[in-house]
Amino acid sequence: MNTEQFQRLLEQEGFPEPVEVEQAPNSQLSNHEHLFEVRALVIQGSIDITIHGKSRAYQAGDVFELGFKEVHSESYGPEGVKYLASRKQ
């Protein structure tokens, strides 16, 4: 998916303008949750997200979703990751 398609998806689903997020290479965040839903488009690098013991890898062009207060962990590839994230309360 490209950024224009992602913007249209966000509008259709009632999500606000996304912000750019960047994480350092080979780093990680242990289990945590957010007080909002997330829709995000990976634009560079890679991110692995683990939910309920199941990990999934996302690369540039992939969209990932996290539910309200969904406990998850994240790890970032050797290039780190940059993504556009929209957060809906």
PDB file of N, CA and C in Angstrom:
ATOM      1  N   MET A   1       0.850  -1.176   0.000  1.00  0.00           N
ATOM      2  CA  MET A   1       0.000   0.000   0.000  1.00  0.00           C
ATOM      3  C   MET A   1       0.896   1.239   0.000  1.00  0.00           C
ATOM      4  N   ASN A   2       0.479   2.259  -0.706  1.00  0.00           N
ATOM      5  CA  ASN A   2       1.250   3.505  -0.697  1.00  0.00           C
ATOM      6  C   ASN A   2       0.578   4.514   0.249  1.00  0.00           C
ATOM      7  N   THR A   3       1.226   5.654   0.437  1.00  0.00           N
ATOM      8  CA  THR A   3       0.729   6.627   1.423  1.00  0.00           C
ATOM      9  C   THR A   3      -0.632   7.205   1.038  1.00  0.00           C
ATOM     10  N   GLU A   4      -0.886   7.415  -0.248  1.00  0.00           N
ATOM     11  CA  GLU A   4      -2.191   7.938  -0.663  1.00  0.00           C
ATOM     12  C   GLU A   4      -3.309   6.950  -0.357  1.00  0.00           C
ATOM     13  N   GLN A   5      -3.073   5.678  -0.653  1.00  0.00           N
ATOM     14  CA  GLN A   5      -4.056   4.644  -0.353  1.00  0.00           C
ATOM     15  C   GLN A   5      -4.285   4.555   1.156  1.00  0.00           C
ATOM     16  N   PHE A   6      -3.208   4.666   1.926  1.00  0.00           N
ATOM     17  CA  PHE A   6      -3.305   4.602   3.374  1.00  0.00           C
ATOM     18  C   PHE A   6      -4.132   5.775   3.913  1.00  0.00           C
ATOM     19  N   GLN A   7      -3.891   6.972   3.379  1.00  0.00           N
ATOM     20  CA  GLN A   7      -4.659   8.144   3.807  1.00  0.00           C
ATOM     21  C   GLN A   7      -6.152   7.944   3.550  1.00  0.00           C
ATOM     22  N   ARG A   8      -6.493   7.376   2.383  1.00  0.00           N
ATOM     23  CA  ARG A   8      -7.905   7.116   2.064  1.00  0.00           C
ATOM     24  C   ARG A   8      -8.494   6.093   3.040  1.00  0.00           C
ATOM     25  N   LEU A   9      -7.727   5.056   3.350  1.00  0.00           N
ATOM     26  CA  LEU A   9      -8.178   4.050   4.307  1.00  0.00           C
ATOM     27  C   LEU A   9      -8.471   4.681   5.669  1.00  0.00           C
ATOM     28  N   LEU A  10      -7.565   5.543   6.120  1.00  0.00           N
ATOM     29  CA  LEU A  10      -7.760   6.214   7.406  1.00  0.00           C
ATOM     30  C   LEU A  10      -9.036   7.045   7.406  1.00  0.00           C
ATOM     31  N   GLU A  11      -9.254   7.792   6.333  1.00  0.00           N
ATOM     32  CA  GLU A  11     -10.457   8.615   6.231  1.00  0.00           C
ATOM     33  C   GLU A  11     -11.715   7.751   6.287  1.00  0.00           C
ATOM     34  N   GLN A  12     -11.720   6.635   5.555  1.00  0.00           N
ATOM     35  CA  GLN A  12     -12.874   5.735   5.521  1.00  0.00           C
ATOM     36  C   GLN A  12     -13.158   5.149   6.897  1.00  0.00           C
ATOM     37  N   GLU A  13     -12.119   4.902   7.687  1.00  0.00           N
ATOM     38  CA  GLU A  13     -12.275   4.269   8.995  1.00  0.00           C
ATOM     39  C   GLU A  13     -12.352   5.283  10.144  1.00  0.00           C
ATOM     40  N   GLY A  14     -12.363   6.586   9.810  1.00  0.00           N
ATOM     41  CA  GLY A  14     -12.521   7.623  10.821  1.00  0.00           C
ATOM     42  C   GLY A  14     -11.287   7.882  11.673  1.00  0.00           C
ATOM     43  N   PHE A  15     -10.108   7.584  11.135  1.00  0.00           N
ATOM     44  CA  PHE A  15      -8.860   7.841  11.853  1.00  0.00           C
ATOM     45  C   PHE A  15      -8.310   9.221  11.483  1.00  0.00           C
ATOM     46  N   PRO A  16      -7.650   9.886  12.428  1.00  0.00           N
ATOM     47  CA  PRO A  16      -7.069  11.209  12.153  1.00  0.00           C
ATOM     48  C   PRO A  16      -5.770  11.111  11.337  1.00  0.00           C
ATOM     49  N   GLU A  17      -5.243  12.283  10.982  1.00  0.00           N
ATOM     50  CA  GLU A  17      -3.969  12.363  10.254  1.00  0.00           C
ATOM     51  C   GLU A  17      -2.895  11.569  10.992  1.00  0.00           C
ATOM     52  N   PRO A  18      -2.084  10.818  10.266  1.00  0.00           N
ATOM     53  CA  PRO A  18      -1.031  10.047  10.929  1.00  0.00           C
ATOM     54  C   PRO A  18       0.188  10.909  11.256  1.00  0.00           C
ATOM     55  N   VAL A  19       0.985  10.391  12.174  1.00  0.00           N
ATOM     56  CA  VAL A  19       2.270  11.008  12.506  1.00  0.00           C
ATOM     57  C   VAL A  19       3.363  10.015  12.127  1.00  0.00           C
ATOM     58  N   GLU A  20       4.541  10.546  11.833  1.00  0.00           N
ATOM     59  CA  GLU A  20       5.664   9.676  11.490  1.00  0.00           C
ATOM     60  C   GLU A  20       6.374   9.225  12.767  1.00  0.00           C
ATOM     61  N   VAL A  21       6.624   7.926  12.862  1.00  0.00           N
ATOM     62  CA  VAL A  21       7.308   7.339  14.005  1.00  0.00           C
ATOM     63  C   VAL A  21       8.551   6.630  13.484  1.00  0.00           C
ATOM     64  N   GLU A  22       9.654   6.780  14.206  1.00  0.00           N
ATOM     65  CA  GLU A  22      10.892   6.107  13.820  1.00  0.00           C
ATOM     66  C   GLU A  22      11.485   5.416  15.038  1.00  0.00           C
ATOM     67  N   GLN A  23      11.917   4.171  14.848  1.00  0.00           N
ATOM     68  CA  GLN A  23      12.534   3.392  15.923  1.00  0.00           C
ATOM     69  C   GLN A  23      13.930   2.946  15.488  1.00  0.00           C
ATOM     70  N   ALA A  24      14.847   2.862  16.446  1.00  0.00           N
ATOM     71  CA  ALA A  24      16.250   2.553  16.184  1.00  0.00           C
ATOM     72  C   ALA A  24      16.440   1.107  15.730  1.00  0.00           C
ATOM     73  N   PRO A  25      17.487   0.876  14.942  1.00  0.00           N
ATOM     74  CA  PRO A  25      17.809  -0.484  14.484  1.00  0.00           C
ATOM     75  C   PRO A  25      18.028  -1.440  15.654  1.00  0.00           C
ATOM     76  N   ASN A  26      17.586  -2.671  15.440  1.00  0.00           N
ATOM     77  CA  ASN A  26      17.812  -3.772  16.380  1.00  0.00           C
ATOM     78  C   ASN A  26      17.388  -3.458  17.811  1.00  0.00           C
ATOM     79  N   SER A  27      16.357  -2.645  17.975  1.00  0.00           N
ATOM     80  CA  SER A  27      15.857  -2.343  19.322  1.00  0.00           C
ATOM     81  C   SER A  27      14.483  -2.989  19.480  1.00  0.00           C
ATOM     82  N   GLN A  28      13.927  -2.855  20.675  1.00  0.00           N
ATOM     83  CA  GLN A  28      12.631  -3.478  20.928  1.00  0.00           C
ATOM     84  C   GLN A  28      11.892  -2.783  22.059  1.00  0.00           C
ATOM     85  N   LEU A  29      10.606  -3.028  22.115  1.00  0.00           N
ATOM     86  CA  LEU A  29       9.750  -2.598  23.217  1.00  0.00           C
ATOM     87  C   LEU A  29       9.084  -3.853  23.767  1.00  0.00           C
ATOM     88  N   SER A  30       9.191  -4.060  25.066  1.00  0.00           N
ATOM     89  CA  SER A  30       8.556  -5.228  25.678  1.00  0.00           C
ATOM     90  C   SER A  30       7.047  -5.023  25.734  1.00  0.00           C
ATOM     91  N   ASN A  31       6.343  -6.002  26.278  1.00  0.00           N
ATOM     92  CA  ASN A  31       4.878  -5.945  26.319  1.00  0.00           C
ATOM     93  C   ASN A  31       4.373  -4.606  26.856  1.00  0.00           C
ATOM     94  N   HIS A  32       3.435  -4.038  26.115  1.00  0.00           N
ATOM     95  CA  HIS A  32       2.814  -2.776  26.503  1.00  0.00           C
ATOM     96  C   HIS A  32       1.465  -2.675  25.787  1.00  0.00           C
ATOM     97  N   GLU A  33       0.708  -1.654  26.126  1.00  0.00           N
ATOM     98  CA  GLU A  33      -0.582  -1.411  25.479  1.00  0.00           C
ATOM     99  C   GLU A  33      -0.766   0.085  25.288  1.00  0.00           C
ATOM    100  N   HIS A  34      -1.723   0.434  24.425  1.00  0.00           N
ATOM    101  CA  HIS A  34      -2.034   1.840  24.153  1.00  0.00           C
ATOM    102  C   HIS A  34      -3.496   2.101  24.488  1.00  0.00           C
ATOM    103  N   LEU A  35      -3.785   3.305  24.888  1.00  0.00           N
ATOM    104  CA  LEU A  35      -5.160   3.691  25.196  1.00  0.00           C
ATOM    105  C   LEU A  35      -5.860   4.250  23.963  1.00  0.00           C
ATOM    106  N   PHE A  36      -5.561   3.649  22.814  1.00  0.00           N
ATOM    107  CA  PHE A  36      -6.144   4.045  21.540  1.00  0.00           C
ATOM    108  C   PHE A  36      -5.943   2.901  20.545  1.00  0.00           C
ATOM    109  N   GLU A  37      -6.718   2.930  19.462  1.00  0.00           N
ATOM    110  CA  GLU A  37      -6.516   2.009  18.341  1.00  0.00           C
ATOM    111  C   GLU A  37      -5.410   2.582  17.461  1.00  0.00           C
ATOM    112  N   VAL A  38      -4.714   1.708  16.748  1.00  0.00           N
ATOM    113  CA  VAL A  38      -3.634   2.140  15.863  1.00  0.00           C
ATOM    114  C   VAL A  38      -3.826   1.530  14.477  1.00  0.00           C
ATOM    115  N   ARG A  39      -3.640   2.353  13.456  1.00  0.00           N
ATOM    116  CA  ARG A  39      -3.480   1.897  12.077  1.00  0.00           C
ATOM    117  C   ARG A  39      -2.164   2.515  11.632  1.00  0.00           C
ATOM    118  N   ALA A  40      -1.263   1.700  11.076  1.00  0.00           N
ATOM    119  CA  ALA A  40       0.052   2.207  10.705  1.00  0.00           C
ATOM    120  C   ALA A  40       0.521   1.602   9.390  1.00  0.00           C
ATOM    121  N   LEU A  41       1.218   2.403   8.619  1.00  0.00           N
ATOM    122  CA  LEU A  41       1.818   1.993   7.343  1.00  0.00           C
ATOM    123  C   LEU A  41       3.329   2.046   7.483  1.00  0.00           C
ATOM    124  N   VAL A  42       3.988   0.904   7.298  1.00  0.00           N
ATOM    125  CA  VAL A  42       5.453   0.865   7.333  1.00  0.00           C
ATOM    126  C   VAL A  42       5.970   1.505   6.049  1.00  0.00           C
ATOM    127  N   ILE A  43       6.850   2.503   6.196  1.00  0.00           N
ATOM    128  CA  ILE A  43       7.387   3.172   5.006  1.00  0.00           C
ATOM    129  C   ILE A  43       8.876   2.888   4.793  1.00  0.00           C
ATOM    130  N   GLN A  44       9.537   2.345   5.821  1.00  0.00           N
ATOM    131  CA  GLN A  44      10.955   2.005   5.678  1.00  0.00           C
ATOM    132  C   GLN A  44      11.341   1.017   6.772  1.00  0.00           C
ATOM    133  N   GLY A  45      12.200   0.054   6.450  1.00  0.00           N
ATOM    134  CA  GLY A  45      12.680  -0.899   7.442  1.00  0.00           C
ATOM    135  C   GLY A  45      11.656  -1.980   7.736  1.00  0.00           C
ATOM    136  N   SER A  46      11.724  -2.526   8.957  1.00  0.00           N
ATOM    137  CA  SER A  46      10.814  -3.608   9.326  1.00  0.00           C
ATOM    138  C   SER A  46      10.521  -3.589  10.821  1.00  0.00           C
ATOM    139  N   ILE A  47       9.365  -4.169  11.156  1.00  0.00           N
ATOM    140  CA  ILE A  47       8.921  -4.278  12.540  1.00  0.00           C
ATOM    141  C   ILE A  47       8.262  -5.640  12.711  1.00  0.00           C
ATOM    142  N   ASP A  48       8.565  -6.308  13.808  1.00  0.00           N
ATOM    143  CA  ASP A  48       7.880  -7.545  14.193  1.00  0.00           C
ATOM    144  C   ASP A  48       7.002  -7.212  15.393  1.00  0.00           C
ATOM    145  N   ILE A  49       5.734  -7.590  15.311  1.00  0.00           N
ATOM    146  CA  ILE A  49       4.798  -7.349  16.401  1.00  0.00           C
ATOM    147  C   ILE A  49       4.316  -8.701  16.914  1.00  0.00           C
ATOM    148  N   THR A  50       4.390  -8.874  18.224  1.00  0.00           N
ATOM    149  CA  THR A  50       3.953 -10.119  18.846  1.00  0.00           C
ATOM    150  C   THR A  50       2.727  -9.855  19.715  1.00  0.00           C
ATOM    151  N   ILE A  51       1.654 -10.613  19.431  1.00  0.00           N
ATOM    152  CA  ILE A  51       0.402 -10.521  20.168  1.00  0.00           C
ATOM    153  C   ILE A  51       0.000 -11.944  20.544  1.00  0.00           C
ATOM    154  N   HIS A  52      -0.253 -12.171  21.829  1.00  0.00           N
ATOM    155  CA  HIS A  52      -0.652 -13.500  22.316  1.00  0.00           C
ATOM    156  C   HIS A  52       0.328 -14.584  21.866  1.00  0.00           C
ATOM    157  N   GLY A  53       1.631 -14.263  21.897  1.00  0.00           N
ATOM    158  CA  GLY A  53       2.659 -15.245  21.563  1.00  0.00           C
ATOM    159  C   GLY A  53       2.872 -15.479  20.078  1.00  0.00           C
ATOM    160  N   LYS A  54       2.108 -14.804  19.225  1.00  0.00           N
ATOM    161  CA  LYS A  54       2.261 -14.961  17.774  1.00  0.00           C
ATOM    162  C   LYS A  54       2.894 -13.704  17.197  1.00  0.00           C
ATOM    163  N   SER A  55       4.018 -13.906  16.495  1.00  0.00           N
ATOM    164  CA  SER A  55       4.758 -12.792  15.922  1.00  0.00           C
ATOM    165  C   SER A  55       4.475 -12.681  14.432  1.00  0.00           C
ATOM    166  N   ARG A  56       4.395 -11.439  13.967  1.00  0.00           N
ATOM    167  CA  ARG A  56       4.216 -11.188  12.535  1.00  0.00           C
ATOM    168  C   ARG A  56       5.156 -10.069  12.116  1.00  0.00           C
ATOM    169  N   ALA A  57       5.805 -10.264  10.970  1.00  0.00           N
ATOM    170  CA  ALA A  57       6.752  -9.286  10.435  1.00  0.00           C
ATOM    171  C   ALA A  57       6.053  -8.383   9.421  1.00  0.00           C
ATOM    172  N   TYR A  58       6.385  -7.091   9.482  1.00  0.00           N
ATOM    173  CA  TYR A  58       5.848  -6.100   8.557  1.00  0.00           C
ATOM    174  C   TYR A  58       7.003  -5.356   7.905  1.00  0.00           C
ATOM    175  N   GLN A  59       6.905  -5.188   6.595  1.00  0.00           N
ATOM    176  CA  GLN A  59       7.918  -4.502   5.790  1.00  0.00           C
ATOM    177  C   GLN A  59       7.288  -3.259   5.155  1.00  0.00           C
ATOM    178  N   ALA A  60       8.104  -2.488   4.459  1.00  0.00           N
ATOM    179  CA  ALA A  60       7.613  -1.307   3.749  1.00  0.00           C
ATOM    180  C   ALA A  60       6.415  -1.679   2.873  1.00  0.00           C
ATOM    181  N   GLY A  61       5.346  -0.890   2.997  1.00  0.00           N
ATOM    182  CA  GLY A  61       4.131  -1.118   2.234  1.00  0.00           C
ATOM    183  C   GLY A  61       3.069  -1.893   2.994  1.00  0.00           C
ATOM    184  N   ASP A  62       3.442  -2.499   4.118  1.00  0.00           N
ATOM    185  CA  ASP A  62       2.491  -3.255   4.932  1.00  0.00           C
ATOM    186  C   ASP A  62       1.788  -2.336   5.929  1.00  0.00           C
ATOM    187  N   VAL A  63       0.543  -2.665   6.226  1.00  0.00           N
ATOM    188  CA  VAL A  63      -0.240  -1.952   7.233  1.00  0.00           C
ATOM    189  C   VAL A  63      -0.429  -2.883   8.422  1.00  0.00           C
ATOM    190  N   PHE A  64      -0.241  -2.339   9.627  1.00  0.00           N
ATOM    191  CA  PHE A  64      -0.569  -3.125  10.815  1.00  0.00           C
ATOM    192  C   PHE A  64      -1.591  -2.381  11.659  1.00  0.00           C
ATOM    193  N   GLU A  65      -2.339  -3.172  12.442  1.00  0.00           N
ATOM    194  CA  GLU A  65      -3.412  -2.642  13.273  1.00  0.00           C
ATOM    195  C   GLU A  65      -3.248  -3.161  14.690  1.00  0.00           C
ATOM    196  N   LEU A  66      -3.543  -2.311  15.646  1.00  0.00           N
ATOM    197  CA  LEU A  66      -3.556  -2.697  17.049  1.00  0.00           C
ATOM    198  C   LEU A  66      -4.853  -2.189  17.657  1.00  0.00           C
ATOM    199  N   GLY A  67      -5.495  -3.042  18.418  1.00  0.00           N
ATOM    200  CA  GLY A  67      -6.733  -2.659  19.068  1.00  0.00           C
ATOM    201  C   GLY A  67      -6.484  -1.868  20.343  1.00  0.00           C
ATOM    202  N   PHE A  68      -7.521  -1.252  20.850  1.00  0.00           N
ATOM    203  CA  PHE A  68      -7.486  -0.504  22.097  1.00  0.00           C
ATOM    204  C   PHE A  68      -7.000  -1.421  23.219  1.00  0.00           C
ATOM    205  N   LYS A  69      -5.944  -1.003  23.912  1.00  0.00           N
ATOM    206  CA  LYS A  69      -5.363  -1.731  25.042  1.00  0.00           C
ATOM    207  C   LYS A  69      -4.934  -3.159  24.684  1.00  0.00           C
ATOM    208  N   GLU A  70      -4.603  -3.408  23.413  1.00  0.00           N
ATOM    209  CA  GLU A  70      -4.127  -4.728  23.000  1.00  0.00           C
ATOM    210  C   GLU A  70      -2.656  -4.877  23.398  1.00  0.00           C
ATOM    211  N   VAL A  71      -2.381  -5.825  24.286  1.00  0.00           N
ATOM    212  CA  VAL A  71      -1.020  -6.035  24.774  1.00  0.00           C
ATOM    213  C   VAL A  71      -0.184  -6.633  23.642  1.00  0.00           C
ATOM    214  N   HIS A  72       0.978  -6.021  23.411  1.00  0.00           N
ATOM    215  CA  HIS A  72       1.862  -6.472  22.334  1.00  0.00           C
ATOM    216  C   HIS A  72       3.298  -6.063  22.633  1.00  0.00           C
ATOM    217  N   SER A  73       4.234  -6.699  21.940  1.00  0.00           N
ATOM    218  CA  SER A  73       5.634  -6.281  21.983  1.00  0.00           C
ATOM    219  C   SER A  73       6.072  -6.004  20.549  1.00  0.00           C
ATOM    220  N   GLU A  74       7.162  -5.245  20.422  1.00  0.00           N
ATOM    221  CA  GLU A  74       7.664  -4.848  19.109  1.00  0.00           C
ATOM    222  C   GLU A  74       9.169  -5.045  19.062  1.00  0.00           C
ATOM    223  N   SER A  75       9.678  -5.458  17.905  1.00  0.00           N
ATOM    224  CA  SER A  75      11.124  -5.469  17.681  1.00  0.00           C
ATOM    225  C   SER A  75      11.369  -4.958  16.269  1.00  0.00           C
ATOM    226  N   TYR A  76      12.515  -4.318  16.108  1.00  0.00           N
ATOM    227  CA  TYR A  76      12.813  -3.600  14.869  1.00  0.00           C
ATOM    228  C   TYR A  76      14.038  -4.199  14.208  1.00  0.00           C
ATOM    229  N   GLY A  77      14.013  -4.261  12.886  1.00  0.00           N
ATOM    230  CA  GLY A  77      15.073  -4.890  12.103  1.00  0.00           C
ATOM    231  C   GLY A  77      16.377  -4.108  12.089  1.00  0.00           C
ATOM    232  N   PRO A  78      17.345  -4.599  11.323  1.00  0.00           N
ATOM    233  CA  PRO A  78      18.678  -3.994  11.278  1.00  0.00           C
ATOM    234  C   PRO A  78      18.702  -2.573  10.708  1.00  0.00           C
ATOM    235  N   GLU A  79      17.638  -2.186  10.005  1.00  0.00           N
ATOM    236  CA  GLU A  79      17.527  -0.812   9.496  1.00  0.00           C
ATOM    237  C   GLU A  79      16.646   0.039  10.400  1.00  0.00           C
ATOM    238  N   GLY A  80      16.141  -0.547  11.478  1.00  0.00           N
ATOM    239  CA  GLY A  80      15.142   0.143  12.277  1.00  0.00           C
ATOM    240  C   GLY A  80      13.823   0.127  11.525  1.00  0.00           C
ATOM    241  N   VAL A  81      12.940   1.038  11.873  1.00  0.00           N
ATOM    242  CA  VAL A  81      11.670   1.131  11.164  1.00  0.00           C
ATOM    243  C   VAL A  81      11.186   2.574  11.195  1.00  0.00           C
ATOM    244  N   LYS A  82      10.510   2.940  10.127  1.00  0.00           N
ATOM    245  CA  LYS A  82       9.816   4.225  10.056  1.00  0.00           C
ATOM    246  C   LYS A  82       8.406   3.922   9.560  1.00  0.00           C
ATOM    247  N   TYR A  83       7.414   4.455  10.271  1.00  0.00           N
ATOM    248  CA  TYR A  83       6.038   4.212   9.849  1.00  0.00           C
ATOM    249  C   TYR A  83       5.162   5.417  10.133  1.00  0.00           C
ATOM    250  N   LEU A  84       4.040   5.474   9.416  1.00  0.00           N
ATOM    251  CA  LEU A  84       3.017   6.493   9.645  1.00  0.00           C
ATOM    252  C   LEU A  84       1.966   5.853  10.525  1.00  0.00           C
ATOM    253  N   ALA A  85       1.684   6.458  11.670  1.00  0.00           N
ATOM    254  CA  ALA A  85       0.731   5.887  12.616  1.00  0.00           C
ATOM    255  C   ALA A  85      -0.401   6.859  12.888  1.00  0.00           C
ATOM    256  N   SER A  86      -1.611   6.334  12.815  1.00  0.00           N
ATOM    257  CA  SER A  86      -2.798   7.104  13.169  1.00  0.00           C
ATOM    258  C   SER A  86      -3.406   6.467  14.405  1.00  0.00           C
ATOM    259  N   ARG A  87      -3.795   7.308  15.335  1.00  0.00           N
ATOM    260  CA  ARG A  87      -4.303   6.832  16.628  1.00  0.00           C
ATOM    261  C   ARG A  87      -5.716   7.357  16.845  1.00  0.00           C
ATOM    262  N   LYS A  88      -6.647   6.439  17.081  1.00  0.00           N
ATOM    263  CA  LYS A  88      -8.038   6.826  17.294  1.00  0.00           C
ATOM    264  C   LYS A  88      -8.444   6.480  18.717  1.00  0.00           C
ATOM    265  N   GLN A  89      -8.964   7.479  19.426  1.00  0.00           N
ATOM    266  CA  GLN A  89      -9.400   7.294  20.819  1.00  0.00           C
ATOM    267  C   GLN A  89     -10.649   6.466  20.887  1.00  0.00           C
TER     268      GLN A  89
END
